[in-house]
Amino acid sequence: MKKLVAIAIFLFAGIAVQAQEVAKIEFKSEVIDYGEIEKGSDGVRIFEFTNTGNIPLVITDVTSSCGCTIPEKPKDPILPGKTGEIKVKYDTTRVGPIRKTITVYSNADEPAKSIKIKGKVLDKES
């Protein structure tokens, strides 16, 4: 009987240790404000983040709410304590307000994380 109790305690302890292994994604800023920019100007911005978890962070996909915004995910896993970048390119030939959402899919404790870009593209000739 003592052996069964010891085995049970060992199994529960092993499960508890595994449950604590998690990747966490923490962005320096979850919103990038382009401000007012001219039509045709550079639309590339960088979201910086850190893996504050204790296992490698794997970003499986990054999508945008619009075809006018092209996100680029890191190719390699981000080790615990290390930083990474998600590059976003907005099509600045489109005049008007910018309000787009980028969704980051990963193995983090929050598997789908939304980040945003905002601003306004002005027509140079106006």
Foldseek 3Di string as FASTA:
>chain_A
DVVVVVVVVVVVVVVVVVVQQFWAKAWPALEAEPAEAEQPDWQKDKIKIATQGQAWKDWPDKDKPDPQKDKDADPDTHHHGGMDIIMIGGNRNDFFKAWMWMWIAIRGPPRIDIGIYIYGYHYPVD
